[in-house]
């Protein structure tokens, strides 16, 4: 999923990771995530910035997430997904609201991340539930979670109740307007930053230096 055209280093393609914690298929959580992603890509295109979007359905990784919590090791599929999320330029995170807070699957995914993995990363928060009475969950539950991780959630969080998808939706602040406002804020945050580097955390060059290997390290330790 791409849009726009690059123009120089500052206009290099940005990568957005979309994390959807919906449990059903299809799910309104994924529907909201897709709308937020599409609106953000459109906003970035208006700024001459190309966007590449990767969408991850957490239900597809539920068993791997549980295994990671139990063993401390991420299976390959989960490791690849986590690397894509933490190396992205921004994250769109959408969760259903259960018992007045984020879902257990969503929190379990957050728990497998390194506490510093999202430091400084722009995040657009989305949430959905059957009733608008749960709309404050974004600010009293989800936003503090990302603040604890030192991420940088944009000001607007987008909540969608079941009624927002029909003709009886909020006419004062329609869902479409809230989606566009959140996307605009995320696009602004992305545009202000340099493109993220897509580095392999297991590449020795990233912590030993370019062109160096474990052989150089061992040689140095041996006094060579």
Protein backbone atom coordinates (compact mmCIF):
# COMPACT_ATOMS: atom_id res chain seq x y z
CA UNK A 1 0.00 0.00 0.00
CA UNK A 2 1.81 3.12 -1.22
CA UNK A 3 0.99 6.66 -2.20
CA UNK A 4 2.75 9.86 -3.16
CA UNK A 5 6.22 10.30 -4.63
CA UNK A 6 9.56 10.92 -2.92
CA UNK A 7 11.61 14.06 -3.50
CA UNK A 8 15.06 13.97 -1.92
CA UNK A 9 16.32 12.39 1.27
CA UNK A 10 13.81 14.23 3.46
CA UNK A 11 11.02 12.86 1.26
CA UNK A 12 12.15 9.23 1.40
CA UNK A 13 9.43 6.64 1.78
CA UNK A 14 8.10 6.27 5.30
CA UNK A 15 6.96 2.99 6.79
CA UNK A 16 3.82 2.77 8.90
CA UNK A 17 3.06 -0.30 11.01
CA UNK A 18 -0.63 -0.89 11.67
CA UNK A 19 -1.44 -3.14 14.64
CA UNK A 20 -5.03 -4.37 14.84
CA UNK A 21 -6.17 -6.32 17.89
CA UNK A 22 -9.59 -7.36 16.59
CA UNK A 23 -10.63 -10.93 17.30
CA UNK A 24 -13.32 -11.54 14.68
CA UNK A 25 -12.99 -11.78 10.92
CA UNK A 26 -14.04 -9.39 9.54
CA UNK A 27 -13.74 -6.99 12.48
CA UNK A 28 -14.70 -3.38 13.04
CA UNK A 29 -11.27 -2.97 14.67
CA UNK A 30 -9.57 -3.81 11.36
CA UNK A 31 -12.04 -1.60 9.50
CA UNK A 32 -11.08 1.36 11.70
CA UNK A 33 -7.38 0.53 11.34
CA UNK A 34 -7.68 0.51 7.56
CA UNK A 35 -9.47 3.85 7.52
CA UNK A 36 -6.82 5.44 9.72
CA UNK A 37 -4.03 4.03 7.55
CA UNK A 38 -5.65 5.17 4.29
CA UNK A 39 -6.24 8.66 5.65
CA UNK A 40 -2.63 8.91 6.88
CA UNK A 41 -1.26 7.78 3.51
CA UNK A 42 -3.43 10.43 1.83
CA UNK A 43 -2.17 13.14 4.20
CA UNK A 44 1.45 12.13 3.58
CA UNK A 45 0.89 12.10 -0.19
CA UNK A 46 -0.31 15.70 0.09
CA UNK A 47 3.10 16.44 1.60
CA UNK A 48 4.93 14.65 -1.25
CA UNK A 49 5.86 11.78 1.05
CA UNK A 50 5.46 8.16 -0.02
CA UNK A 51 4.08 5.78 2.60
CA UNK A 52 4.43 2.01 2.83
CA UNK A 53 1.97 0.33 5.17
CA UNK A 54 2.28 -3.04 6.88
CA UNK A 55 -0.87 -4.30 8.62
CA UNK A 56 -0.60 -6.90 11.39
CA UNK A 57 -3.62 -8.71 12.82
CA UNK A 58 -2.64 -9.72 16.36
CA UNK A 59 -5.01 -12.68 16.33
CA UNK A 60 -2.71 -14.26 13.72
CA UNK A 61 0.13 -14.10 16.28
CA UNK A 62 -1.85 -14.96 19.42
CA UNK A 63 -0.17 -18.35 20.01
CA UNK A 64 3.29 -16.94 19.32
CA UNK A 65 2.67 -14.05 21.72
CA UNK A 66 1.65 -16.49 24.44
CA UNK A 67 4.70 -18.67 23.79
CA UNK A 68 6.92 -15.58 23.98
CA UNK A 69 5.44 -14.62 27.34
CA UNK A 70 5.98 -18.16 28.66
CA UNK A 71 9.48 -18.79 27.29
CA UNK A 72 10.96 -15.34 26.74
CA UNK A 73 11.72 -16.18 23.10
CA UNK A 74 9.82 -14.92 20.06
CA UNK A 75 9.05 -17.47 17.31
CA UNK A 76 10.30 -16.34 13.87
CA UNK A 77 6.97 -14.97 12.62
CA UNK A 78 6.46 -12.88 15.76
CA UNK A 79 10.08 -11.72 15.72
CA UNK A 80 9.70 -10.52 12.15
CA UNK A 81 6.49 -8.69 12.98
CA UNK A 82 7.96 -7.04 16.08
CA UNK A 83 11.01 -5.91 14.09
CA UNK A 84 8.72 -4.36 11.48
CA UNK A 85 6.79 -2.48 14.16
CA UNK A 86 9.77 -1.16 16.11
CA UNK A 87 11.68 -0.13 12.96
CA UNK A 88 8.73 1.73 11.43
CA UNK A 89 8.41 5.50 11.19
CA UNK A 90 5.07 5.45 12.98
CA UNK A 91 2.51 3.08 14.45
CA UNK A 92 -1.26 3.01 14.16
CA UNK A 93 -2.57 0.90 17.03
CA UNK A 94 -6.24 -0.09 17.25
CA UNK A 95 -7.85 -2.23 19.92
CA UNK A 96 -11.38 -3.21 20.84
CA UNK A 97 -12.47 -2.13 24.30
CA UNK A 98 -13.25 -4.99 26.68
CA UNK A 99 -14.30 -4.36 30.30
CA UNK A 100 -13.59 -0.62 29.91
CA UNK A 101 -9.99 -1.09 28.73
CA UNK A 102 -7.78 -2.45 25.93
CA UNK A 103 -8.05 -6.12 25.07
CA UNK A 104 -5.89 -8.78 26.73
CA UNK A 105 -4.36 -9.70 23.37
CA UNK A 106 -3.36 -6.08 22.76
CA UNK A 107 -1.74 -5.80 26.20
CA UNK A 108 0.04 -9.14 25.74
CA UNK A 109 1.58 -7.85 22.53
CA UNK A 110 2.76 -4.70 24.30
CA UNK A 111 4.27 -6.90 27.00
CA UNK A 112 6.53 -8.73 24.52
CA UNK A 113 8.06 -5.46 23.30
CA UNK A 114 11.26 -4.14 24.79
CA UNK A 115 10.30 -1.22 27.09
CA UNK A 116 12.41 1.17 25.01
CA UNK A 117 11.45 -0.17 21.58
CA UNK A 118 8.92 2.59 20.80
CA UNK A 119 10.82 5.52 22.32
CA UNK A 120 10.02 8.71 20.42
CA UNK A 121 7.84 6.92 17.87
CA UNK A 122 4.66 8.72 16.71
CA UNK A 123 1.53 6.68 17.44
CA UNK A 124 -2.05 7.16 16.34
CA UNK A 125 -4.40 5.41 18.77
CA UNK A 126 -7.72 3.95 17.71
CA UNK A 127 -10.32 2.01 19.66
CA UNK A 128 -13.81 0.66 19.10
CA UNK A 129 -16.65 -0.67 21.21
CA UNK A 130 -20.35 -1.27 21.06
CA UNK A 131 -21.21 1.97 22.84
CA UNK A 132 -19.79 5.48 22.96
CA UNK A 133 -19.72 5.24 26.77
CA UNK A 134 -16.28 3.62 26.45
CA UNK A 135 -14.74 6.45 24.41
CA UNK A 136 -12.69 7.77 27.34
CA UNK A 137 -10.73 4.49 27.47
CA UNK A 138 -8.33 5.95 24.92
CA UNK A 139 -7.22 8.66 27.35
CA UNK A 140 -7.37 6.86 30.69
CA UNK A 141 -6.07 3.44 29.59
CA UNK A 142 -4.40 3.32 26.17
CA UNK A 143 -2.61 6.66 26.01
CA UNK A 144 -0.86 6.15 29.38
CA UNK A 145 0.34 2.76 28.12
CA UNK A 146 2.17 4.33 25.18
CA UNK A 147 3.40 7.21 27.32
CA UNK A 148 4.97 4.65 29.66
CA UNK A 149 6.78 3.21 26.63
CA UNK A 150 8.10 6.72 25.83
CA UNK A 151 6.23 6.74 22.53
CA UNK A 152 4.64 9.97 21.29
CA UNK A 153 0.89 9.51 20.77
CA UNK A 154 -0.68 12.28 18.70
CA UNK A 155 -3.27 14.44 20.42
CA UNK A 156 -6.29 12.96 18.68
CA UNK A 157 -7.32 9.42 19.53
CA UNK A 158 -10.06 8.00 17.30
CA UNK A 159 -12.86 6.06 18.98
CA UNK A 160 -15.61 4.37 16.98
CA UNK A 161 -18.82 3.05 18.50
CA UNK A 162 -21.04 0.64 16.60
CA UNK A 163 -23.41 3.50 15.78
CA UNK A 164 -20.61 5.46 14.09
CA UNK A 165 -20.65 3.06 11.16
CA UNK A 166 -24.28 3.77 10.27
CA UNK A 167 -26.53 6.68 9.39
CA UNK A 168 -27.15 7.32 13.09
CA UNK A 169 -23.51 8.26 13.71
CA UNK A 170 -22.38 11.33 15.62
CA UNK A 171 -23.42 14.36 13.56
CA UNK A 172 -21.45 16.83 15.70
CA UNK A 173 -18.06 15.12 15.30
CA UNK A 174 -18.54 12.47 12.60
CA UNK A 175 -16.15 9.52 12.53
CA UNK A 176 -14.75 10.61 9.17
CA UNK A 177 -13.73 14.00 10.56
CA UNK A 178 -12.07 12.40 13.58
CA UNK A 179 -10.20 9.95 11.35
CA UNK A 180 -8.97 12.79 9.14
CA UNK A 181 -7.85 14.87 12.13
CA UNK A 182 -5.92 12.00 13.69
CA UNK A 183 -4.34 11.13 10.34
CA UNK A 184 -3.33 14.73 9.77
CA UNK A 185 -1.62 14.90 13.16
CA UNK A 186 0.21 11.62 12.54
CA UNK A 187 1.33 12.76 9.08
CA UNK A 188 2.65 16.00 10.57
CA UNK A 189 4.59 14.03 13.20
CA UNK A 190 6.05 11.71 10.54
CA UNK A 191 7.02 14.60 8.25
CA UNK A 192 8.94 16.33 11.04
CA UNK A 193 11.19 13.30 11.56
CA UNK A 194 13.98 11.80 9.49
CA UNK A 195 13.06 8.44 7.92
CA UNK A 196 13.66 5.51 10.25
CA UNK A 197 16.53 3.19 9.43
CA UNK A 198 15.48 -0.37 8.67
CA UNK A 199 18.29 -2.07 10.56
CA UNK A 200 18.63 -5.72 11.44
CA UNK A 201 19.20 -5.79 15.22
CA UNK A 202 21.16 -9.03 14.80
CA UNK A 203 23.58 -7.59 12.20
CA UNK A 204 27.01 -7.29 13.93
CA UNK A 205 27.69 -4.08 11.96
CA UNK A 206 25.01 -2.34 14.00
CA UNK A 207 26.90 -2.73 17.25
CA UNK A 208 30.48 -3.60 16.21
CA UNK A 209 30.87 -1.02 13.47
CA UNK A 210 30.56 -1.12 9.69
CA UNK A 211 32.75 -3.77 8.08
CA UNK A 212 33.59 -5.41 11.39
CA UNK A 213 32.66 -8.86 12.64
CA UNK A 214 32.91 -11.01 15.73
CA UNK A 215 36.38 -12.02 14.43
CA UNK A 216 37.54 -8.42 14.80
CA UNK A 217 36.12 -8.31 18.31
CA UNK A 218 37.83 -11.54 19.34
CA UNK A 219 41.06 -10.39 17.72
CA UNK A 220 40.90 -7.19 19.71
CA UNK A 221 40.34 -9.06 22.93
CA UNK A 222 43.37 -11.22 22.14
CA UNK A 223 45.55 -8.14 21.73
CA UNK A 224 45.91 -8.38 17.96
